[in-house]
PDB file of N, CA and C in Angstrom:
ATOM      1  N   UNK A   1       0.855  -1.285   0.242  1.00  0.00           N
ATOM      2  CA  UNK A   1       0.029  -0.110  -0.147  1.00  0.00           C
ATOM      3  C   UNK A   1       0.676   1.037  -0.117  1.00  0.00           C
ATOM      4  N   UNK A   2       0.715   2.264  -0.889  1.00  0.00           N
ATOM      5  CA  UNK A   2       1.335   3.201  -1.041  1.00  0.00           C
ATOM      6  C   UNK A   2       1.065   4.548  -0.112  1.00  0.00           C
ATOM      7  N   UNK A   3       1.883   4.906   0.491  1.00  0.00           N
ATOM      8  CA  UNK A   3       1.784   5.971   1.823  1.00  0.00           C
ATOM      9  C   UNK A   3       1.796   7.590   1.105  1.00  0.00           C
ATOM     10  N   UNK A   4       0.709   7.878   1.404  1.00  0.00           N
ATOM     11  CA  UNK A   4       0.341   9.390   0.331  1.00  0.00           C
ATOM     12  C   UNK A   4       1.523  10.588   0.998  1.00  0.00           C
ATOM     13  N   UNK A   5       1.949  11.251  -0.045  1.00  0.00           N
ATOM     14  CA  UNK A   5       2.672  12.330   0.449  1.00  0.00           C
ATOM     15  C   UNK A   5       2.112  13.745  -0.422  1.00  0.00           C
ATOM     16  N   UNK A   6       2.591  14.768  -0.056  1.00  0.00           N
ATOM     17  CA  UNK A   6       2.401  16.018  -0.862  1.00  0.00           C
ATOM     18  C   UNK A   6       3.433  16.341  -1.312  1.00  0.00           C
ATOM     19  N   UNK A   7       3.054  17.350  -2.319  1.00  0.00           N
ATOM     20  CA  UNK A   7       4.547  17.993  -3.075  1.00  0.00           C
ATOM     21  C   UNK A   7       5.476  18.681  -2.307  1.00  0.00           C
ATOM     22  N   UNK A   8       6.759  18.557  -2.708  1.00  0.00           N
ATOM     23  CA  UNK A   8       7.733  19.270  -1.755  1.00  0.00           C
ATOM     24  C   UNK A   8       7.454  20.571  -2.116  1.00  0.00           C
ATOM     25  N   UNK A   9       7.792  20.728  -3.728  1.00  0.00           N
ATOM     26  CA  UNK A   9       7.381  22.057  -4.395  1.00  0.00           C
ATOM     27  C   UNK A   9       6.223  21.898  -5.200  1.00  0.00           C
ATOM     28  N   UNK A  10       5.667  22.935  -5.611  1.00  0.00           N
ATOM     29  CA  UNK A  10       4.437  23.168  -6.579  1.00  0.00           C
ATOM     30  C   UNK A  10       4.353  24.524  -6.728  1.00  0.00           C
ATOM     31  N   UNK A  11       4.165  24.761  -8.125  1.00  0.00           N
ATOM     32  CA  UNK A  11       3.917  26.101  -8.928  1.00  0.00           C
ATOM     33  C   UNK A  11       3.450  25.891 -10.276  1.00  0.00           C
ATOM     34  N   UNK A  12       2.963  27.364 -10.600  1.00  0.00           N
ATOM     35  CA  UNK A  12       2.580  27.343 -11.893  1.00  0.00           C
ATOM     36  C   UNK A  12       3.436  27.997 -12.823  1.00  0.00           C
ATOM     37  N   UNK A  13       3.335  27.737 -14.072  1.00  0.00           N
ATOM     38  CA  UNK A  13       4.439  28.841 -14.700  1.00  0.00           C
ATOM     39  C   UNK A  13       3.637  28.627 -16.210  1.00  0.00           C
ATOM     40  N   UNK A  14       2.891  29.681 -16.820  1.00  0.00           N
ATOM     41  CA  UNK A  14       2.281  29.900 -18.387  1.00  0.00           C
ATOM     42  C   UNK A  14       1.571  29.187 -18.227  1.00  0.00           C
ATOM     43  N   UNK A  15       0.704  28.949 -17.355  1.00  0.00           N
ATOM     44  CA  UNK A  15      -0.497  27.635 -17.461  1.00  0.00           C
ATOM     45  C   UNK A  15      -0.354  26.204 -17.243  1.00  0.00           C
ATOM     46  N   UNK A  16       0.959  26.073 -17.267  1.00  0.00           N
ATOM     47  CA  UNK A  16       1.320  24.675 -16.758  1.00  0.00           C
ATOM     48  C   UNK A  16       1.751  24.441 -15.024  1.00  0.00           C
ATOM     49  N   UNK A  17       1.250  23.474 -14.493  1.00  0.00           N
ATOM     50  CA  UNK A  17       1.307  23.045 -12.990  1.00  0.00           C
ATOM     51  C   UNK A  17       2.323  22.356 -12.982  1.00  0.00           C
ATOM     52  N   UNK A  18       3.543  22.226 -11.913  1.00  0.00           N
ATOM     53  CA  UNK A  18       4.464  21.313 -11.788  1.00  0.00           C
ATOM     54  C   UNK A  18       4.150  21.010 -10.093  1.00  0.00           C
ATOM     55  N   UNK A  19       4.424  19.594  -9.922  1.00  0.00           N
ATOM     56  CA  UNK A  19       4.028  18.904  -8.363  1.00  0.00           C
ATOM     57  C   UNK A  19       5.384  18.514  -8.418  1.00  0.00           C
ATOM     58  N   UNK A  20       6.393  18.663  -7.418  1.00  0.00           N
ATOM     59  CA  UNK A  20       7.685  18.056  -7.244  1.00  0.00           C
ATOM     60  C   UNK A  20       7.656  17.232  -6.098  1.00  0.00           C
ATOM     61  N   UNK A  21       7.927  15.975  -6.320  1.00  0.00           N
ATOM     62  CA  UNK A  21       7.680  14.973  -5.014  1.00  0.00           C
ATOM     63  C   UNK A  21       9.166  14.467  -4.455  1.00  0.00           C
ATOM     64  N   UNK A  22       9.326  14.494  -3.231  1.00  0.00           N
ATOM     65  CA  UNK A  22      10.497  13.938  -2.665  1.00  0.00           C
ATOM     66  C   UNK A  22       9.757  12.490  -1.832  1.00  0.00           C
ATOM     67  N   UNK A  23      10.321  11.459  -1.905  1.00  0.00           N
ATOM     68  CA  UNK A  23       9.789  10.164  -1.883  1.00  0.00           C
ATOM     69  C   UNK A  23      10.645   9.365  -1.129  1.00  0.00           C
ATOM     70  N   UNK A  24      10.200   8.545   0.032  1.00  0.00           N
ATOM     71  CA  UNK A  24      10.846   7.319   0.215  1.00  0.00           C
ATOM     72  C   UNK A  24      10.444   6.423  -0.040  1.00  0.00           C
ATOM     73  N   UNK A  25      10.938   5.228  -0.130  1.00  0.00           N
ATOM     74  CA  UNK A  25      10.510   3.671  -0.488  1.00  0.00           C
ATOM     75  C   UNK A  25       9.034   3.357   0.281  1.00  0.00           C
ATOM     76  N   UNK A  26       8.330   3.306  -0.669  1.00  0.00           N
ATOM     77  CA  UNK A  26       6.825   3.222  -0.124  1.00  0.00           C
ATOM     78  C   UNK A  26       5.973   4.265  -0.469  1.00  0.00           C
ATOM     79  N   UNK A  27       6.462   5.421  -0.505  1.00  0.00           N
ATOM     80  CA  UNK A  27       5.594   6.680  -0.331  1.00  0.00           C
ATOM     81  C   UNK A  27       5.314   7.285  -1.839  1.00  0.00           C
ATOM     82  N   UNK A  28       4.347   7.757  -2.188  1.00  0.00           N
ATOM     83  CA  UNK A  28       4.201   8.401  -3.337  1.00  0.00           C
ATOM     84  C   UNK A  28       2.677   8.762  -3.230  1.00  0.00           C
ATOM     85  N   UNK A  29       1.989   8.543  -4.486  1.00  0.00           N
ATOM     86  CA  UNK A  29       0.529   9.048  -4.832  1.00  0.00           C
ATOM     87  C   UNK A  29      -0.185   7.688  -5.093  1.00  0.00           C
ATOM     88  N   UNK A  30      -0.999   7.153  -3.635  1.00  0.00           N
ATOM     89  CA  UNK A  30      -1.974   6.139  -3.933  1.00  0.00           C
ATOM     90  C   UNK A  30      -3.024   6.279  -5.222  1.00  0.00           C
ATOM     91  N   UNK A  31      -3.541   5.096  -5.478  1.00  0.00           N
ATOM     92  CA  UNK A  31      -4.374   5.232  -6.657  1.00  0.00           C
ATOM     93  C   UNK A  31      -5.558   6.363  -6.359  1.00  0.00           C
ATOM     94  N   UNK A  32      -5.584   6.790  -7.681  1.00  0.00           N
ATOM     95  CA  UNK A  32      -6.481   8.019  -8.103  1.00  0.00           C
ATOM     96  C   UNK A  32      -6.564   7.883  -9.269  1.00  0.00           C
ATOM     97  N   UNK A  33      -7.587   9.195  -9.406  1.00  0.00           N
ATOM     98  CA  UNK A  33      -7.878   9.458 -11.039  1.00  0.00           C
ATOM     99  C   UNK A  33      -8.399  10.894 -11.071  1.00  0.00           C
ATOM    100  N   UNK A  34      -8.278  11.462 -12.151  1.00  0.00           N
ATOM    101  CA  UNK A  34      -8.792  13.049 -12.208  1.00  0.00           C
ATOM    102  C   UNK A  34      -8.840  13.147 -13.351  1.00  0.00           C
ATOM    103  N   UNK A  35     -10.074  14.368 -13.929  1.00  0.00           N
ATOM    104  CA  UNK A  35     -10.399  14.942 -15.149  1.00  0.00           C
ATOM    105  C   UNK A  35      -9.474  15.462 -15.933  1.00  0.00           C
ATOM    106  N   UNK A  36      -7.850  15.522 -15.865  1.00  0.00           N
ATOM    107  CA  UNK A  36      -7.071  16.148 -16.709  1.00  0.00           C
ATOM    108  C   UNK A  36      -5.846  15.053 -16.772  1.00  0.00           C
ATOM    109  N   UNK A  37      -4.968  15.240 -18.015  1.00  0.00           N
ATOM    110  CA  UNK A  37      -4.311  14.316 -18.250  1.00  0.00           C
ATOM    111  C   UNK A  37      -2.941  14.855 -17.593  1.00  0.00           C
ATOM    112  N   UNK A  38      -1.705  13.949 -17.517  1.00  0.00           N
ATOM    113  CA  UNK A  38      -0.458  14.728 -16.806  1.00  0.00           C
ATOM    114  C   UNK A  38       0.730  13.919 -17.223  1.00  0.00           C
ATOM    115  N   UNK A  39       1.778  14.409 -17.151  1.00  0.00           N
ATOM    116  CA  UNK A  39       3.157  14.092 -17.803  1.00  0.00           C
ATOM    117  C   UNK A  39       3.868  13.790 -16.315  1.00  0.00           C
ATOM    118  N   UNK A  40       4.195  12.337 -16.209  1.00  0.00           N
ATOM    119  CA  UNK A  40       5.174  11.958 -14.944  1.00  0.00           C
ATOM    120  C   UNK A  40       6.700  11.773 -15.453  1.00  0.00           C
ATOM    121  N   UNK A  41       7.582  12.070 -14.566  1.00  0.00           N
ATOM    122  CA  UNK A  41       8.902  11.946 -14.731  1.00  0.00           C
ATOM    123  C   UNK A  41       9.637  11.880 -13.258  1.00  0.00           C
ATOM    124  N   UNK A  42      10.754  10.928 -13.603  1.00  0.00           N
ATOM    125  CA  UNK A  42      11.387  10.418 -12.360  1.00  0.00           C
ATOM    126  C   UNK A  42      12.705  11.047 -12.736  1.00  0.00           C
ATOM    127  N   UNK A  43      13.442  12.032 -11.658  1.00  0.00           N
ATOM    128  CA  UNK A  43      14.524  12.689 -11.781  1.00  0.00           C
ATOM    129  C   UNK A  43      15.780  11.840 -10.768  1.00  0.00           C
ATOM    130  N   UNK A  44      15.200  11.393  -9.844  1.00  0.00           N
ATOM    131  CA  UNK A  44      16.230  10.506  -9.201  1.00  0.00           C
ATOM    132  C   UNK A  44      15.578   9.210  -8.286  1.00  0.00           C
ATOM    133  N   UNK A  45      16.452   8.382  -8.165  1.00  0.00           N
ATOM    134  CA  UNK A  45      15.985   7.103  -7.493  1.00  0.00           C
ATOM    135  C   UNK A  45      15.023   6.282  -8.401  1.00  0.00           C
ATOM    136  N   UNK A  46      14.271   5.644  -8.179  1.00  0.00           N
ATOM    137  CA  UNK A  46      13.128   4.749  -9.117  1.00  0.00           C
ATOM    138  C   UNK A  46      11.470   4.861  -8.565  1.00  0.00           C
ATOM    139  N   UNK A  47      10.688   4.685  -9.272  1.00  0.00           N
ATOM    140  CA  UNK A  47       9.397   4.612  -8.773  1.00  0.00           C
ATOM    141  C   UNK A  47       8.799   3.727  -9.813  1.00  0.00           C
ATOM    142  N   UNK A  48       7.414   3.278  -9.341  1.00  0.00           N
ATOM    143  CA  UNK A  48       6.806   2.385 -10.250  1.00  0.00           C
ATOM    144  C   UNK A  48       5.478   3.155 -10.406  1.00  0.00           C
ATOM    145  N   UNK A  49       4.760   3.240 -11.693  1.00  0.00           N
ATOM    146  CA  UNK A  49       3.824   3.707 -12.062  1.00  0.00           C
ATOM    147  C   UNK A  49       2.629   2.594 -12.362  1.00  0.00           C
ATOM    148  N   UNK A  50       1.616   2.968 -11.429  1.00  0.00           N
ATOM    149  CA  UNK A  50       0.561   1.438 -11.845  1.00  0.00           C
ATOM    150  C   UNK A  50      -0.602   2.116 -12.616  1.00  0.00           C
ATOM    151  N   UNK A  51      -1.190   1.278 -13.314  1.00  0.00           N
ATOM    152  CA  UNK A  51      -2.521   1.817 -14.004  1.00  0.00           C
ATOM    153  C   UNK A  51      -3.303   0.440 -14.372  1.00  0.00           C
ATOM    154  N   UNK A  52      -4.576   0.465 -14.841  1.00  0.00           N
ATOM    155  CA  UNK A  52      -5.040  -1.002 -14.814  1.00  0.00           C
ATOM    156  C   UNK A  52      -4.676  -1.433 -15.974  1.00  0.00           C
ATOM    157  N   UNK A  53      -3.995  -2.784 -15.416  1.00  0.00           N
ATOM    158  CA  UNK A  53      -3.376  -4.064 -16.147  1.00  0.00           C
ATOM    159  C   UNK A  53      -1.817  -3.817 -16.831  1.00  0.00           C
ATOM    160  N   UNK A  54      -1.496  -2.438 -16.271  1.00  0.00           N
ATOM    161  CA  UNK A  54       0.266  -2.101 -16.587  1.00  0.00           C
ATOM    162  C   UNK A  54       0.928  -1.570 -15.356  1.00  0.00           C
ATOM    163  N   UNK A  55       2.014  -1.850 -15.411  1.00  0.00           N
ATOM    164  CA  UNK A  55       3.299  -1.314 -14.495  1.00  0.00           C
ATOM    165  C   UNK A  55       4.697  -0.834 -15.090  1.00  0.00           C
ATOM    166  N   UNK A  56       4.864   0.427 -14.748  1.00  0.00           N
ATOM    167  CA  UNK A  56       6.184   0.479 -15.516  1.00  0.00           C
ATOM    168  C   UNK A  56       6.874   1.287 -14.365  1.00  0.00           C
ATOM    169  N   UNK A  57       8.353   0.788 -14.493  1.00  0.00           N
ATOM    170  CA  UNK A  57       9.305   1.426 -13.207  1.00  0.00           C
ATOM    171  C   UNK A  57      10.342   2.224 -14.293  1.00  0.00           C
ATOM    172  N   UNK A  58      10.332   3.447 -13.505  1.00  0.00           N
ATOM    173  CA  UNK A  58      10.773   4.552 -14.017  1.00  0.00           C
ATOM    174  C   UNK A  58      12.036   5.059 -13.171  1.00  0.00           C
ATOM    175  N   UNK A  59      13.222   5.329 -13.910  1.00  0.00           N
ATOM    176  CA  UNK A  59      14.386   6.087 -13.290  1.00  0.00           C
ATOM    177  C   UNK A  59      14.606   7.273 -14.309  1.00  0.00           C
ATOM    178  N   UNK A  60      15.891   7.858 -13.625  1.00  0.00           N
ATOM    179  CA  UNK A  60      16.048   9.516 -14.608  1.00  0.00           C
ATOM    180  C   UNK A  60      16.292   9.094 -16.064  1.00  0.00           C
ATOM    181  N   UNK A  61      16.509   8.004 -16.371  1.00  0.00           N
ATOM    182  CA  UNK A  61      16.690   7.566 -17.872  1.00  0.00           C
ATOM    183  C   UNK A  61      15.385   7.254 -18.541  1.00  0.00           C
ATOM    184  N   UNK A  62      14.365   7.193 -17.891  1.00  0.00           N
ATOM    185  CA  UNK A  62      13.032   6.932 -18.696  1.00  0.00           C
ATOM    186  C   UNK A  62      12.336   7.879 -19.153  1.00  0.00           C
ATOM    187  N   UNK A  63      11.898   7.493 -20.204  1.00  0.00           N
ATOM    188  CA  UNK A  63      11.156   8.932 -21.326  1.00  0.00           C
ATOM    189  C   UNK A  63       9.882   9.051 -20.370  1.00  0.00           C
ATOM    190  N   UNK A  64       9.212  10.253 -20.265  1.00  0.00           N
ATOM    191  CA  UNK A  64       8.273  10.788 -19.316  1.00  0.00           C
ATOM    192  C   UNK A  64       7.100   9.864 -19.941  1.00  0.00           C
ATOM    193  N   UNK A  65       6.086   9.813 -19.059  1.00  0.00           N
ATOM    194  CA  UNK A  65       4.973   9.077 -19.128  1.00  0.00           C
ATOM    195  C   UNK A  65       3.724   9.854 -19.255  1.00  0.00           C
ATOM    196  N   UNK A  66       2.819   9.946 -20.155  1.00  0.00           N
ATOM    197  CA  UNK A  66       1.610  10.418 -20.101  1.00  0.00           C
ATOM    198  C   UNK A  66       0.648   9.731 -19.617  1.00  0.00           C
ATOM    199  N   UNK A  67      -0.272  10.365 -18.263  1.00  0.00           N
ATOM    200  CA  UNK A  67      -1.302   9.515 -17.605  1.00  0.00           C
ATOM    201  C   UNK A  67      -2.538  10.020 -18.295  1.00  0.00           C
ATOM    202  N   UNK A  68      -3.428   9.702 -18.979  1.00  0.00           N
ATOM    203  CA  UNK A  68      -4.444  10.316 -19.398  1.00  0.00           C
ATOM    204  C   UNK A  68      -5.551  10.517 -18.396  1.00  0.00           C
ATOM    205  N   UNK A  69      -6.594  11.473 -18.760  1.00  0.00           N
ATOM    206  CA  UNK A  69      -7.747  11.692 -18.083  1.00  0.00           C
ATOM    207  C   UNK A  69      -8.442  10.628 -17.738  1.00  0.00           C
ATOM    208  N   UNK A  70      -9.522  10.617 -16.553  1.00  0.00           N
ATOM    209  CA  UNK A  70     -10.258   9.748 -16.306  1.00  0.00           C
ATOM    210  C   UNK A  70      -9.792   8.366 -16.127  1.00  0.00           C
ATOM    211  N   UNK A  71      -8.689   8.042 -15.750  1.00  0.00           N
ATOM    212  CA  UNK A  71      -8.045   6.589 -15.749  1.00  0.00           C
ATOM    213  C   UNK A  71      -7.426   6.673 -14.387  1.00  0.00           C
ATOM    214  N   UNK A  72      -7.578   5.465 -13.269  1.00  0.00           N
ATOM    215  CA  UNK A  72      -7.016   5.500 -12.245  1.00  0.00           C
ATOM    216  C   UNK A  72      -5.209   5.202 -12.353  1.00  0.00           C
ATOM    217  N   UNK A  73      -4.686   5.592 -11.599  1.00  0.00           N
ATOM    218  CA  UNK A  73      -3.038   5.245 -11.503  1.00  0.00           C
ATOM    219  C   UNK A  73      -2.533   5.513 -10.275  1.00  0.00           C
ATOM    220  N   UNK A  74      -1.264   5.035 -10.146  1.00  0.00           N
ATOM    221  CA  UNK A  74      -0.689   5.064  -9.028  1.00  0.00           C
ATOM    222  C   UNK A  74       0.683   5.382  -8.970  1.00  0.00           C
ATOM    223  N   UNK A  75       1.426   6.032  -8.272  1.00  0.00           N
ATOM    224  CA  UNK A  75       2.994   6.191  -8.422  1.00  0.00           C
ATOM    225  C   UNK A  75       3.696   5.927  -6.918  1.00  0.00           C
ATOM    226  N   UNK A  76       4.638   5.109  -6.938  1.00  0.00           N
ATOM    227  CA  UNK A  76       5.151   4.634  -5.724  1.00  0.00           C
ATOM    228  C   UNK A  76       6.742   4.617  -5.786  1.00  0.00           C
ATOM    229  N   UNK A  77       7.129   5.263  -4.720  1.00  0.00           N
ATOM    230  CA  UNK A  77       8.867   5.319  -5.024  1.00  0.00           C
ATOM    231  C   UNK A  77       9.467   3.743  -4.504  1.00  0.00           C
ATOM    232  N   UNK A  78      10.518   3.283  -5.264  1.00  0.00           N
ATOM    233  CA  UNK A  78      11.044   2.043  -4.823  1.00  0.00           C
ATOM    234  C   UNK A  78      12.015   2.187  -3.901  1.00  0.00           C
ATOM    235  N   UNK A  79      12.666   3.178  -4.231  1.00  0.00           N
ATOM    236  CA  UNK A  79      13.948   3.373  -3.205  1.00  0.00           C
ATOM    237  C   UNK A  79      13.936   4.850  -2.345  1.00  0.00           C
ATOM    238  N   UNK A  80      14.614   5.249  -1.361  1.00  0.00           N
ATOM    239  CA  UNK A  80      14.674   6.277  -0.538  1.00  0.00           C
ATOM    240  C   UNK A  80      15.211   7.153  -1.432  1.00  0.00           C
ATOM    241  N   UNK A  81      14.755   8.484  -1.243  1.00  0.00           N
ATOM    242  CA  UNK A  81      15.517   9.703  -2.277  1.00  0.00           C
ATOM    243  C   UNK A  81      15.070   9.828  -3.341  1.00  0.00           C
ATOM    244  N   UNK A  82      13.690   9.242  -3.750  1.00  0.00           N
ATOM    245  CA  UNK A  82      13.196   9.073  -5.201  1.00  0.00           C
ATOM    246  C   UNK A  82      12.485  10.735  -5.417  1.00  0.00           C
ATOM    247  N   UNK A  83      12.776  11.174  -6.524  1.00  0.00           N
ATOM    248  CA  UNK A  83      12.091  12.423  -6.787  1.00  0.00           C
ATOM    249  C   UNK A  83      11.507  12.268  -7.981  1.00  0.00           C
ATOM    250  N   UNK A  84      10.324  12.746  -8.307  1.00  0.00           N
ATOM    251  CA  UNK A  84       9.173  12.589  -9.389  1.00  0.00           C
ATOM    252  C   UNK A  84       8.481  13.672  -9.647  1.00  0.00           C
ATOM    253  N   UNK A  85       8.072  14.077 -10.679  1.00  0.00           N
ATOM    254  CA  UNK A  85       7.623  15.364 -10.939  1.00  0.00           C
ATOM    255  C   UNK A  85       6.197  14.768 -11.950  1.00  0.00           C
ATOM    256  N   UNK A  86       5.186  15.614 -11.544  1.00  0.00           N
ATOM    257  CA  UNK A  86       4.011  15.584 -12.194  1.00  0.00           C
ATOM    258  C   UNK A  86       3.671  16.882 -12.971  1.00  0.00           C
ATOM    259  N   UNK A  87       3.592  16.888 -14.375  1.00  0.00           N
ATOM    260  CA  UNK A  87       3.108  18.287 -15.052  1.00  0.00           C
ATOM    261  C   UNK A  87       1.647  18.263 -15.314  1.00  0.00           C
ATOM    262  N   UNK A  88       0.802  19.320 -15.513  1.00  0.00           N
ATOM    263  CA  UNK A  88      -0.247  19.215 -15.917  1.00  0.00           C
ATOM    264  C   UNK A  88      -0.944  20.867 -16.242  1.00  0.00           C
ATOM    265  N   UNK A  89      -2.000  20.964 -17.045  1.00  0.00           N
ATOM    266  CA  UNK A  89      -2.644  22.047 -17.458  1.00  0.00           C
ATOM    267  C   UNK A  89      -4.149  22.072 -16.811  1.00  0.00           C
ATOM    268  N   UNK A  90      -4.424  21.708 -15.876  1.00  0.00           N
ATOM    269  CA  UNK A  90      -5.793  21.591 -15.266  1.00  0.00           C
ATOM    270  C   UNK A  90      -6.923  22.586 -16.067  1.00  0.00           C
ATOM    271  N   UNK A  91      -6.755  23.489 -16.002  1.00  0.00           N
ATOM    272  CA  UNK A  91      -7.892  24.404 -16.405  1.00  0.00           C
ATOM    273  C   UNK A  91      -7.925  24.309 -18.107  1.00  0.00           C
ATOM    274  N   UNK A  92      -7.155  23.543 -18.669  1.00  0.00           N
ATOM    275  CA  UNK A  92      -7.599  23.327 -19.982  1.00  0.00           C
ATOM    276  C   UNK A  92      -8.681  22.726 -20.483  1.00  0.00           C
ATOM    277  N   UNK A  93      -8.951  21.641 -19.601  1.00  0.00           N
ATOM    278  CA  UNK A  93      -9.980  20.576 -19.775  1.00  0.00           C
ATOM    279  C   UNK A  93     -11.536  20.796 -19.277  1.00  0.00           C
TER     280      UNK A  93
END
């Protein structure tokens, strides 16, 4: 079970919102969904992105992943010191 955390940093720039998360093993964003798509990137450590029927382990070398609107997903850190970022433009939809 993923332990919910809040962003360490969050800001909006020119219509795009960024949430920067610093997570330790087992922490992240438990299963949820929302009415906007967002891009997820891993900058340090590793995390797993889960959605119905799929799992992807991400590191700093992994291409950013688009998570589409209205589909459940979950992001969990696999090691201490993981940093991941979600980027979205909520007001567009």
